Amino acid sequence: MMIFDAGFGVEILDTVKKIGIGNVNSFVHRMDHWLEIMVENADFLQNIFPGQILEYRRDVTNNEVPPNGRIVNFPLHPKPNHLINKQWIKQNWR
């Protein structure tokens, strides 16, 4: 997960427009992968806040979020609305 100042990325967006999103998608699966390639020396929030930004499939086991977890990133499937019967989703997803 990356965070940017407002207005950042105009050059990257211009590159995407020039190349074409279809061509970008032929090399990377998602736009965030493209950003990881294009942005040099980016600060990743996972490194700044270790153990607090989690991946659902990797870090949430037995439907339990580790105690230090603050943000859970979901894959394309499932999304939080697919897991609404889980107590931690009921308590935290808004």
N, C-alpha and C. Protein backbone atom coordinates (compact mmCIF):
# COMPACT_ATOMS: atom_id res chain seq x y z
N MET A 1 0.85 -1.16 0.00
CA MET A 1 0.00 0.00 0.00
C MET A 1 0.90 1.23 0.00
N MET A 2 0.60 2.16 -0.91
CA MET A 2 1.38 3.39 -1.00
C MET A 2 0.45 4.57 -0.79
N ILE A 3 1.04 5.67 -0.37
CA ILE A 3 0.28 6.90 -0.16
C ILE A 3 1.04 8.03 -0.87
N PHE A 4 0.28 8.95 -1.45
CA PHE A 4 0.89 10.03 -2.22
C PHE A 4 0.34 11.37 -1.78
N ASP A 5 1.14 12.41 -2.00
CA ASP A 5 0.65 13.76 -1.81
C ASP A 5 -0.33 14.10 -2.93
N ALA A 6 -1.27 14.98 -2.65
CA ALA A 6 -2.21 15.43 -3.67
C ALA A 6 -1.44 16.00 -4.86
N GLY A 7 -1.87 15.65 -6.05
CA GLY A 7 -1.23 16.15 -7.25
C GLY A 7 -0.09 15.28 -7.75
N PHE A 8 0.32 14.30 -6.96
CA PHE A 8 1.41 13.42 -7.37
C PHE A 8 0.94 12.51 -8.50
N GLY A 9 1.83 12.19 -9.37
CA GLY A 9 1.57 11.14 -10.35
C GLY A 9 1.13 11.59 -11.72
N VAL A 10 1.13 12.87 -11.97
CA VAL A 10 0.70 13.36 -13.28
C VAL A 10 1.55 12.73 -14.38
N GLU A 11 2.85 12.66 -14.17
CA GLU A 11 3.74 12.07 -15.17
C GLU A 11 3.42 10.60 -15.40
N ILE A 12 3.10 9.89 -14.33
CA ILE A 12 2.77 8.48 -14.45
C ILE A 12 1.47 8.31 -15.22
N LEU A 13 0.47 9.12 -14.91
CA LEU A 13 -0.80 9.06 -15.63
C LEU A 13 -0.60 9.41 -17.11
N ASP A 14 0.23 10.41 -17.37
CA ASP A 14 0.52 10.76 -18.76
C ASP A 14 1.17 9.59 -19.50
N THR A 15 2.05 8.87 -18.82
CA THR A 15 2.69 7.69 -19.43
C THR A 15 1.65 6.62 -19.74
N VAL A 16 0.73 6.38 -18.81
CA VAL A 16 -0.33 5.40 -19.04
C VAL A 16 -1.17 5.82 -20.23
N LYS A 17 -1.52 7.09 -20.30
CA LYS A 17 -2.32 7.57 -21.44
C LYS A 17 -1.57 7.39 -22.75
N LYS A 18 -0.28 7.68 -22.74
CA LYS A 18 0.55 7.57 -23.95
C LYS A 18 0.67 6.12 -24.41
N ILE A 19 0.95 5.25 -23.47
CA ILE A 19 1.12 3.83 -23.78
C ILE A 19 -0.22 3.16 -24.05
N GLY A 20 -1.22 3.57 -23.31
CA GLY A 20 -2.55 2.96 -23.40
C GLY A 20 -2.73 1.95 -22.28
N ILE A 21 -3.87 2.04 -21.60
CA ILE A 21 -4.13 1.16 -20.45
C ILE A 21 -4.12 -0.30 -20.86
N GLY A 22 -4.57 -0.60 -22.08
CA GLY A 22 -4.55 -1.98 -22.55
C GLY A 22 -3.14 -2.54 -22.61
N ASN A 23 -2.20 -1.73 -23.06
CA ASN A 23 -0.80 -2.17 -23.10
C ASN A 23 -0.23 -2.33 -21.70
N VAL A 24 -0.58 -1.42 -20.81
CA VAL A 24 -0.11 -1.54 -19.42
C VAL A 24 -0.65 -2.84 -18.83
N ASN A 25 -1.93 -3.11 -19.05
CA ASN A 25 -2.55 -4.31 -18.49
C ASN A 25 -1.99 -5.60 -19.09
N SER A 26 -1.37 -5.50 -20.25
CA SER A 26 -0.77 -6.71 -20.83
C SER A 26 0.52 -7.10 -20.11
N PHE A 27 1.09 -6.17 -19.34
CA PHE A 27 2.33 -6.44 -18.61
C PHE A 27 2.12 -6.62 -17.11
N VAL A 28 1.10 -5.96 -16.57
CA VAL A 28 0.84 -6.07 -15.13
C VAL A 28 -0.63 -6.40 -14.93
N HIS A 29 -0.91 -7.06 -13.82
CA HIS A 29 -2.28 -7.50 -13.52
C HIS A 29 -3.15 -6.35 -13.02
N ARG A 30 -2.57 -5.49 -12.20
CA ARG A 30 -3.35 -4.39 -11.62
C ARG A 30 -2.54 -3.11 -11.67
N MET A 31 -3.24 -2.00 -11.59
CA MET A 31 -2.59 -0.69 -11.68
C MET A 31 -1.60 -0.47 -10.53
N ASP A 32 -1.86 -1.03 -9.36
CA ASP A 32 -0.92 -0.84 -8.25
C ASP A 32 0.43 -1.48 -8.56
N HIS A 33 0.43 -2.55 -9.32
CA HIS A 33 1.72 -3.14 -9.72
C HIS A 33 2.47 -2.18 -10.64
N TRP A 34 1.75 -1.53 -11.53
CA TRP A 34 2.37 -0.53 -12.42
C TRP A 34 2.99 0.59 -11.59
N LEU A 35 2.26 1.05 -10.58
CA LEU A 35 2.79 2.12 -9.72
C LEU A 35 4.05 1.67 -8.98
N GLU A 36 4.06 0.44 -8.52
CA GLU A 36 5.25 -0.07 -7.82
C GLU A 36 6.46 -0.07 -8.74
N ILE A 37 6.23 -0.31 -10.02
CA ILE A 37 7.31 -0.30 -11.00
C ILE A 37 7.75 1.13 -11.30
N MET A 38 6.80 2.03 -11.44
CA MET A 38 7.07 3.38 -11.92
C MET A 38 7.57 4.34 -10.85
N VAL A 39 7.20 4.13 -9.60
CA VAL A 39 7.54 5.08 -8.54
C VAL A 39 8.81 4.61 -7.85
N GLU A 40 9.88 5.34 -8.08
CA GLU A 40 11.15 4.99 -7.45
C GLU A 40 11.18 5.47 -6.00
N ASN A 41 11.76 4.67 -5.15
CA ASN A 41 11.96 5.02 -3.74
C ASN A 41 10.65 5.32 -3.01
N ALA A 42 9.59 4.64 -3.40
CA ALA A 42 8.30 4.85 -2.73
C ALA A 42 8.37 4.30 -1.31
N ASP A 43 7.69 4.97 -0.41
CA ASP A 43 7.55 4.46 0.94
C ASP A 43 6.30 3.58 0.99
N PHE A 44 6.46 2.36 1.40
CA PHE A 44 5.33 1.45 1.52
C PHE A 44 4.83 1.48 2.95
N LEU A 45 3.54 1.67 3.10
CA LEU A 45 2.97 1.77 4.44
C LEU A 45 3.21 0.49 5.25
N GLN A 46 3.29 -0.67 4.56
CA GLN A 46 3.56 -1.91 5.27
C GLN A 46 4.92 -1.86 5.98
N ASN A 47 5.87 -1.13 5.40
CA ASN A 47 7.19 -1.00 6.02
C ASN A 47 7.20 0.05 7.12
N ILE A 48 6.41 1.08 6.95
CA ILE A 48 6.34 2.16 7.94
C ILE A 48 5.57 1.70 9.18
N PHE A 49 4.53 0.90 8.96
CA PHE A 49 3.69 0.39 10.05
C PHE A 49 3.69 -1.14 10.03
N PRO A 50 4.81 -1.76 10.37
CA PRO A 50 4.90 -3.22 10.28
C PRO A 50 3.86 -3.93 11.14
N GLY A 51 3.27 -4.96 10.54
CA GLY A 51 2.29 -5.78 11.25
C GLY A 51 0.93 -5.16 11.40
N GLN A 52 0.74 -3.93 10.88
CA GLN A 52 -0.55 -3.26 11.04
C GLN A 52 -1.39 -3.27 9.76
N ILE A 53 -0.75 -3.38 8.61
CA ILE A 53 -1.46 -3.43 7.33
C ILE A 53 -1.35 -4.86 6.82
N LEU A 54 -2.48 -5.53 6.77
CA LEU A 54 -2.50 -6.97 6.55
C LEU A 54 -3.14 -7.34 5.22
N GLU A 55 -2.79 -8.51 4.73
CA GLU A 55 -3.41 -9.11 3.56
C GLU A 55 -4.37 -10.18 4.08
N TYR A 56 -5.62 -10.11 3.65
CA TYR A 56 -6.63 -11.04 4.16
C TYR A 56 -6.20 -12.49 4.01
N ARG A 57 -5.82 -12.89 2.81
CA ARG A 57 -5.50 -14.30 2.58
C ARG A 57 -4.25 -14.77 3.32
N ARG A 58 -3.32 -13.89 3.52
CA ARG A 58 -2.06 -14.28 4.17
C ARG A 58 -2.13 -14.16 5.69
N ASP A 59 -2.74 -13.09 6.19
CA ASP A 59 -2.60 -12.74 7.60
C ASP A 59 -3.81 -13.06 8.48
N VAL A 60 -4.99 -13.16 7.91
CA VAL A 60 -6.18 -13.43 8.71
C VAL A 60 -6.38 -14.95 8.73
N THR A 61 -6.07 -15.56 9.86
CA THR A 61 -6.22 -17.01 9.98
C THR A 61 -7.31 -17.33 11.00
N ASN A 62 -8.05 -18.37 10.73
CA ASN A 62 -9.17 -18.77 11.59
C ASN A 62 -10.12 -17.60 11.83
N ASN A 63 -10.26 -16.75 10.82
CA ASN A 63 -11.11 -15.56 10.90
C ASN A 63 -10.76 -14.66 12.07
N GLU A 64 -9.48 -14.62 12.41
CA GLU A 64 -8.98 -13.76 13.47
C GLU A 64 -7.97 -12.79 12.89
N VAL A 65 -8.17 -11.51 13.15
CA VAL A 65 -7.20 -10.50 12.75
C VAL A 65 -6.15 -10.41 13.86
N PRO A 66 -4.87 -10.47 13.51
CA PRO A 66 -3.84 -10.33 14.54
C PRO A 66 -4.07 -9.06 15.36
N PRO A 67 -3.73 -9.09 16.64
CA PRO A 67 -4.04 -7.98 17.54
C PRO A 67 -3.50 -6.62 17.09
N ASN A 68 -2.38 -6.59 16.40
CA ASN A 68 -1.80 -5.32 15.97
C ASN A 68 -2.36 -4.83 14.63
N GLY A 69 -3.19 -5.65 13.97
CA GLY A 69 -3.73 -5.31 12.66
C GLY A 69 -4.64 -4.10 12.72
N ARG A 70 -4.46 -3.19 11.78
CA ARG A 70 -5.28 -1.97 11.70
C ARG A 70 -6.03 -1.86 10.38
N ILE A 71 -5.42 -2.35 9.30
CA ILE A 71 -6.02 -2.31 7.97
C ILE A 71 -5.90 -3.71 7.38
N VAL A 72 -7.01 -4.22 6.82
CA VAL A 72 -6.98 -5.50 6.13
C VAL A 72 -7.29 -5.24 4.66
N ASN A 73 -6.34 -5.61 3.81
CA ASN A 73 -6.48 -5.46 2.37
C ASN A 73 -7.08 -6.75 1.82
N PHE A 74 -8.17 -6.62 1.07
CA PHE A 74 -8.85 -7.77 0.52
C PHE A 74 -8.49 -7.99 -0.94
N PRO A 75 -8.47 -9.25 -1.38
CA PRO A 75 -8.24 -9.55 -2.79
C PRO A 75 -9.51 -9.26 -3.60
N LEU A 76 -9.49 -9.62 -4.87
CA LEU A 76 -10.68 -9.43 -5.69
C LEU A 76 -11.88 -10.20 -5.11
N HIS A 77 -11.61 -11.35 -4.52
CA HIS A 77 -12.66 -12.13 -3.88
C HIS A 77 -12.03 -12.93 -2.76
N PRO A 78 -12.59 -12.96 -1.58
CA PRO A 78 -13.83 -12.32 -1.17
C PRO A 78 -13.60 -10.86 -0.75
N LYS A 79 -14.66 -10.13 -0.73
CA LYS A 79 -14.67 -8.76 -0.22
C LYS A 79 -15.37 -8.78 1.14
N PRO A 80 -15.23 -7.72 1.93
CA PRO A 80 -15.84 -7.72 3.27
C PRO A 80 -17.35 -8.01 3.24
N ASN A 81 -18.05 -7.53 2.24
CA ASN A 81 -19.51 -7.77 2.20
C ASN A 81 -19.84 -9.24 1.96
N HIS A 82 -18.87 -10.05 1.51
CA HIS A 82 -19.09 -11.49 1.37
C HIS A 82 -18.89 -12.21 2.71
N LEU A 83 -18.31 -11.53 3.67
CA LEU A 83 -17.97 -12.15 4.96
C LEU A 83 -18.70 -11.48 6.12
N ILE A 84 -19.82 -10.87 5.84
CA ILE A 84 -20.51 -10.06 6.83
C ILE A 84 -20.94 -10.86 8.06
N ASN A 85 -21.00 -12.19 7.94
CA ASN A 85 -21.37 -13.01 9.10
C ASN A 85 -20.22 -13.21 10.08
N LYS A 86 -19.01 -12.80 9.72
CA LYS A 86 -17.86 -12.91 10.62
C LYS A 86 -17.89 -11.76 11.62
N GLN A 87 -17.68 -12.09 12.88
CA GLN A 87 -17.80 -11.09 13.94
C GLN A 87 -16.86 -9.90 13.74
N TRP A 88 -15.61 -10.13 13.37
CA TRP A 88 -14.67 -9.03 13.21
C TRP A 88 -15.08 -8.12 12.06
N ILE A 89 -15.72 -8.66 11.04
CA ILE A 89 -16.25 -7.82 9.96
C ILE A 89 -17.41 -6.99 10.47
N LYS A 90 -18.32 -7.62 11.19
CA LYS A 90 -19.48 -6.89 11.74
C LYS A 90 -19.02 -5.71 12.60
N GLN A 91 -17.99 -5.93 13.39
CA GLN A 91 -17.52 -4.90 14.32
C GLN A 91 -16.75 -3.78 13.63
N ASN A 92 -16.06 -4.09 12.54
CA ASN A 92 -15.09 -3.13 12.00
C ASN A 92 -15.36 -2.61 10.60
N TRP A 93 -16.14 -3.30 9.81
CA TRP A 93 -16.35 -2.86 8.43
C TRP A 93 -17.52 -1.90 8.35
N ARG A 94 -17.26 -0.75 7.80
CA ARG A 94 -18.31 0.27 7.66
C ARG A 94 -18.33 0.78 6.26
